[in-house]
């Protein structure tokens, strides 16, 4: 299913935007002269999908190769019939209704999703970060689908999401949907990253708590 959906995206993009590139989890089609790249995760949450759990998603973003930033993003949760999307300067939406991040300014009694386990050579202890967040009163959840958990930040349900993985296709759509909903998104070190290639993980938040979350990540790095 992953491969079939990825190939369908390549087919449709080439038919409608023949000069655009495609960067997919299962297959890609790079064009040297392309200004834009469609970044696709055909099934984010392959394990939940294989188990028949409804928390898998389709994720697609249009990235400007000039700076590696998404200008359009869409996340489809097919079983639940929820579609999230955002375009630069146009806001973020779920099924046609505008969405906004939460206004929580304290981690207590909030929700944060986490996914992935890559270290990046930064010495990040993801388990210690999770324990520290919990000690601050946040409840941490792991869905084995970074996109499903991550889009709930823009949807106002979670205050943050942490992704310990490198691929841009996992988080490109989340970047613009989060920011158009009023939140903030960076890499795990608090810097900007490109979304048409690998990077140092991903943190999305409601914006208010972003620096606090980044600070906790930094404090729980292994020496």
Protein backbone atom coordinates (compact mmCIF):
# COMPACT_ATOMS: atom_id res chain seq x y z
CA UNK A 1 0.00 0.00 0.00
CA UNK A 2 2.86 2.37 0.85
CA UNK A 3 4.51 1.79 -2.51
CA UNK A 4 1.29 1.98 -4.52
CA UNK A 5 0.28 5.31 -2.97
CA UNK A 6 3.77 6.76 -3.39
CA UNK A 7 3.82 5.74 -7.08
CA UNK A 8 0.35 7.25 -7.56
CA UNK A 9 1.61 10.58 -6.20
CA UNK A 10 4.56 10.49 -8.62
CA UNK A 11 2.18 9.70 -11.49
CA UNK A 12 -0.25 12.50 -10.63
CA UNK A 13 2.44 15.13 -10.02
CA UNK A 14 4.20 14.29 -13.28
CA UNK A 15 0.89 14.52 -15.13
CA UNK A 16 -0.07 17.90 -13.66
CA UNK A 17 3.29 19.51 -12.77
CA UNK A 18 5.88 17.83 -15.04
CA UNK A 19 8.64 20.22 -14.02
CA UNK A 20 8.23 19.53 -10.28
CA UNK A 21 10.27 16.99 -8.28
CA UNK A 22 8.88 14.40 -5.85
CA UNK A 23 10.57 13.33 -2.62
CA UNK A 24 8.74 10.33 -1.21
CA UNK A 25 9.34 7.82 1.55
CA UNK A 26 9.21 4.86 -0.84
CA UNK A 27 10.26 6.44 -4.16
CA UNK A 28 11.36 9.83 -5.50
CA UNK A 29 11.65 11.59 -8.85
CA UNK A 30 14.20 14.41 -8.75
CA UNK A 31 14.49 16.90 -11.58
CA UNK A 32 17.59 19.11 -11.68
CA UNK A 33 15.83 22.20 -12.99
CA UNK A 34 12.87 21.99 -10.60
CA UNK A 35 11.92 24.94 -8.38
CA UNK A 36 9.41 22.93 -6.34
CA UNK A 37 9.37 19.51 -4.68
CA UNK A 38 6.32 17.57 -3.52
CA UNK A 39 7.29 15.86 -0.26
CA UNK A 40 5.18 12.78 0.45
CA UNK A 41 4.73 10.23 3.20
CA UNK A 42 2.18 7.86 1.62
CA UNK A 43 1.32 6.09 4.87
CA UNK A 44 2.67 7.66 8.03
CA UNK A 45 1.93 5.10 10.71
CA UNK A 46 2.56 1.94 8.73
CA UNK A 47 2.49 -0.17 11.87
CA UNK A 48 -0.93 1.09 13.04
CA UNK A 49 -2.14 0.65 9.44
CA UNK A 50 -0.96 -2.96 9.37
CA UNK A 51 -2.76 -3.60 12.67
CA UNK A 52 -6.02 -2.08 11.45
CA UNK A 53 -5.77 0.91 13.81
CA UNK A 54 -7.27 4.14 12.42
CA UNK A 55 -4.44 6.54 13.33
CA UNK A 56 -2.42 6.33 10.10
CA UNK A 57 -2.25 9.32 7.74
CA UNK A 58 -1.37 10.47 4.25
CA UNK A 59 0.93 13.50 4.27
CA UNK A 60 1.91 15.76 1.37
CA UNK A 61 3.67 19.12 1.20
CA UNK A 62 4.83 21.43 -1.56
CA UNK A 63 8.33 22.71 -0.76
CA UNK A 64 10.10 25.65 -2.36
CA UNK A 65 13.64 24.49 -3.14
CA UNK A 66 14.92 28.07 -2.81
CA UNK A 67 14.82 27.74 0.98
CA UNK A 68 13.54 24.21 1.64
CA UNK A 69 10.35 25.50 3.30
CA UNK A 70 6.82 24.18 2.65
CA UNK A 71 4.28 26.55 1.13
CA UNK A 72 1.40 24.07 1.14
CA UNK A 73 0.64 21.05 3.31
CA UNK A 74 -2.13 18.49 3.62
CA UNK A 75 -2.69 15.66 6.08
CA UNK A 76 -5.48 13.16 5.47
CA UNK A 77 -6.70 10.80 8.22
CA UNK A 78 -8.89 8.62 5.98
CA UNK A 79 -10.62 6.33 8.46
CA UNK A 80 -11.67 9.24 10.69
CA UNK A 81 -12.51 11.36 7.64
CA UNK A 82 -10.43 14.30 8.85
CA UNK A 83 -8.44 16.40 6.42
CA UNK A 84 -6.05 19.09 7.62
CA UNK A 85 -4.43 21.58 5.28
CA UNK A 86 -2.66 24.91 5.17
CA UNK A 87 -1.22 27.23 2.55
CA UNK A 88 1.26 30.01 3.20
CA UNK A 89 -0.52 33.11 4.42
CA UNK A 90 -3.97 31.50 4.27
CA UNK A 91 -4.33 29.86 7.70
CA UNK A 92 -4.87 26.23 8.70
CA UNK A 93 -8.06 24.17 8.42
CA UNK A 94 -9.69 20.88 9.36
CA UNK A 95 -12.54 19.82 7.08
CA UNK A 96 -13.06 23.44 6.04
CA UNK A 97 -13.09 24.94 9.55
CA UNK A 98 -10.21 27.14 10.70
CA UNK A 99 -8.03 25.67 13.46
CA UNK A 100 -5.68 27.31 15.98
CA UNK A 101 -3.08 26.11 18.44
CA UNK A 102 -3.87 26.05 22.15
CA UNK A 103 -3.13 29.02 24.40
CA UNK A 104 -1.68 26.94 27.25
CA UNK A 105 1.26 28.68 28.91
CA UNK A 106 2.02 25.91 31.41
CA UNK A 107 2.88 22.27 30.73
CA UNK A 108 0.73 20.98 33.57
CA UNK A 109 -2.23 18.89 32.37
CA UNK A 110 -1.26 19.25 28.70
CA UNK A 111 -0.55 16.62 26.03
CA UNK A 112 2.63 16.11 23.99
CA UNK A 113 3.25 13.42 21.38
CA UNK A 114 6.65 11.86 20.77
CA UNK A 115 7.99 9.58 18.05
CA UNK A 116 11.24 8.17 16.72
CA UNK A 117 14.50 7.36 18.53
CA UNK A 118 17.37 8.77 16.45
CA UNK A 119 20.25 10.44 18.34
CA UNK A 120 21.81 12.67 15.60
CA UNK A 121 25.05 12.78 17.60
CA UNK A 122 23.55 15.44 19.88
CA UNK A 123 23.43 13.10 22.86
CA UNK A 124 19.69 13.54 23.22
CA UNK A 125 18.13 11.15 25.74
CA UNK A 126 14.56 10.92 24.46
CA UNK A 127 13.41 8.83 27.42
CA UNK A 128 14.81 11.33 29.92
CA UNK A 129 13.15 14.17 28.02
CA UNK A 130 9.84 12.30 28.25
CA UNK A 131 10.28 11.76 31.98
CA UNK A 132 11.12 15.43 32.48
CA UNK A 133 8.03 16.53 30.58
CA UNK A 134 5.94 14.20 32.71
CA UNK A 135 7.51 15.63 35.86
CA UNK A 136 6.33 19.06 34.70
CA UNK A 137 2.78 17.69 34.53
CA UNK A 138 2.54 17.00 30.78
CA UNK A 139 1.10 13.75 29.52
CA UNK A 140 3.17 12.16 26.74
CA UNK A 141 1.72 9.89 24.08
CA UNK A 142 3.28 7.80 21.31
CA UNK A 143 1.13 6.83 18.30
CA UNK A 144 3.82 5.36 15.99
CA UNK A 145 2.59 8.02 13.57
CA UNK A 146 4.38 11.33 14.00
CA UNK A 147 1.93 13.05 11.64
CA UNK A 148 -1.20 11.91 13.48
CA UNK A 149 0.14 13.12 16.83
CA UNK A 150 1.80 16.18 15.35
CA UNK A 151 -1.23 17.58 13.57
CA UNK A 152 -3.04 17.69 16.92
CA UNK A 153 -0.82 20.64 17.84
CA UNK A 154 -2.34 22.73 15.06
CA UNK A 155 -5.73 21.28 15.98
CA UNK A 156 -5.39 22.74 19.48
CA UNK A 157 -5.48 19.38 21.28
CA UNK A 158 -1.74 19.00 22.08
CA UNK A 159 0.77 21.71 23.04
CA UNK A 160 3.69 20.01 21.36
CA UNK A 161 5.18 17.14 19.41
CA UNK A 162 8.75 15.82 19.39
CA UNK A 163 10.16 13.79 16.51
CA UNK A 164 13.49 12.00 16.88
CA UNK A 165 13.86 11.20 13.20
CA UNK A 166 15.59 12.83 10.25
CA UNK A 167 13.40 12.53 7.15
CA UNK A 168 11.67 15.62 5.79
CA UNK A 169 8.73 13.65 4.46
CA UNK A 170 7.66 12.85 8.04
CA UNK A 171 7.23 16.49 9.05
CA UNK A 172 7.05 18.81 6.01
CA UNK A 173 3.26 19.14 6.08
CA UNK A 174 3.27 19.54 9.87
CA UNK A 175 5.64 22.51 9.58
CA UNK A 176 3.31 24.74 7.60
CA UNK A 177 0.07 23.50 9.16
CA UNK A 178 1.45 24.22 12.65
CA UNK A 179 2.72 27.68 11.78
CA UNK A 180 -0.40 28.71 9.86
CA UNK A 181 -2.40 27.66 12.96
CA UNK A 182 -0.33 30.09 15.04
CA UNK A 183 2.32 27.70 16.38
CA UNK A 184 6.04 27.28 15.90
CA UNK A 185 8.20 24.52 14.40
CA UNK A 186 11.97 24.00 14.50
CA UNK A 187 14.47 21.17 14.62
CA UNK A 188 15.36 19.54 17.95
CA UNK A 189 18.18 22.03 18.52
CA UNK A 190 15.86 25.00 18.02
CA UNK A 191 17.17 25.88 14.57
CA UNK A 192 15.53 26.06 11.18
CA UNK A 193 15.82 23.08 8.83
CA UNK A 194 15.00 22.21 5.25
CA UNK A 195 12.06 19.92 4.53
CA UNK A 196 13.21 18.51 1.20
CA UNK A 197 16.06 16.56 2.81
CA UNK A 198 17.15 15.05 6.11
CA UNK A 199 17.51 17.22 9.22
CA UNK A 200 17.92 17.17 13.00
CA UNK A 201 14.47 15.99 14.02
CA UNK A 202 11.47 18.22 14.61
CA UNK A 203 9.66 20.08 17.38
CA UNK A 204 6.26 21.69 16.89
CA UNK A 205 4.42 23.57 19.61
CA UNK A 206 1.76 26.13 20.33
CA UNK A 207 4.57 28.69 20.27
CA UNK A 208 4.07 29.82 23.87
CA UNK A 209 5.79 26.72 25.26
CA UNK A 210 8.36 26.23 22.50
CA UNK A 211 11.40 27.64 24.30
CA UNK A 212 10.55 25.74 27.47
CA UNK A 213 10.28 22.46 25.55
CA UNK A 214 13.58 23.13 23.74
CA UNK A 215 15.19 23.92 27.09
CA UNK A 216 14.07 20.61 28.53
CA UNK A 217 15.46 18.77 25.51
CA UNK A 218 18.82 20.53 25.97
CA UNK A 219 18.94 19.81 29.72
CA UNK A 220 18.34 16.08 29.19
CA UNK A 221 21.15 15.63 26.69
CA UNK A 222 23.67 12.98 27.70
CA UNK A 223 27.09 14.28 28.70
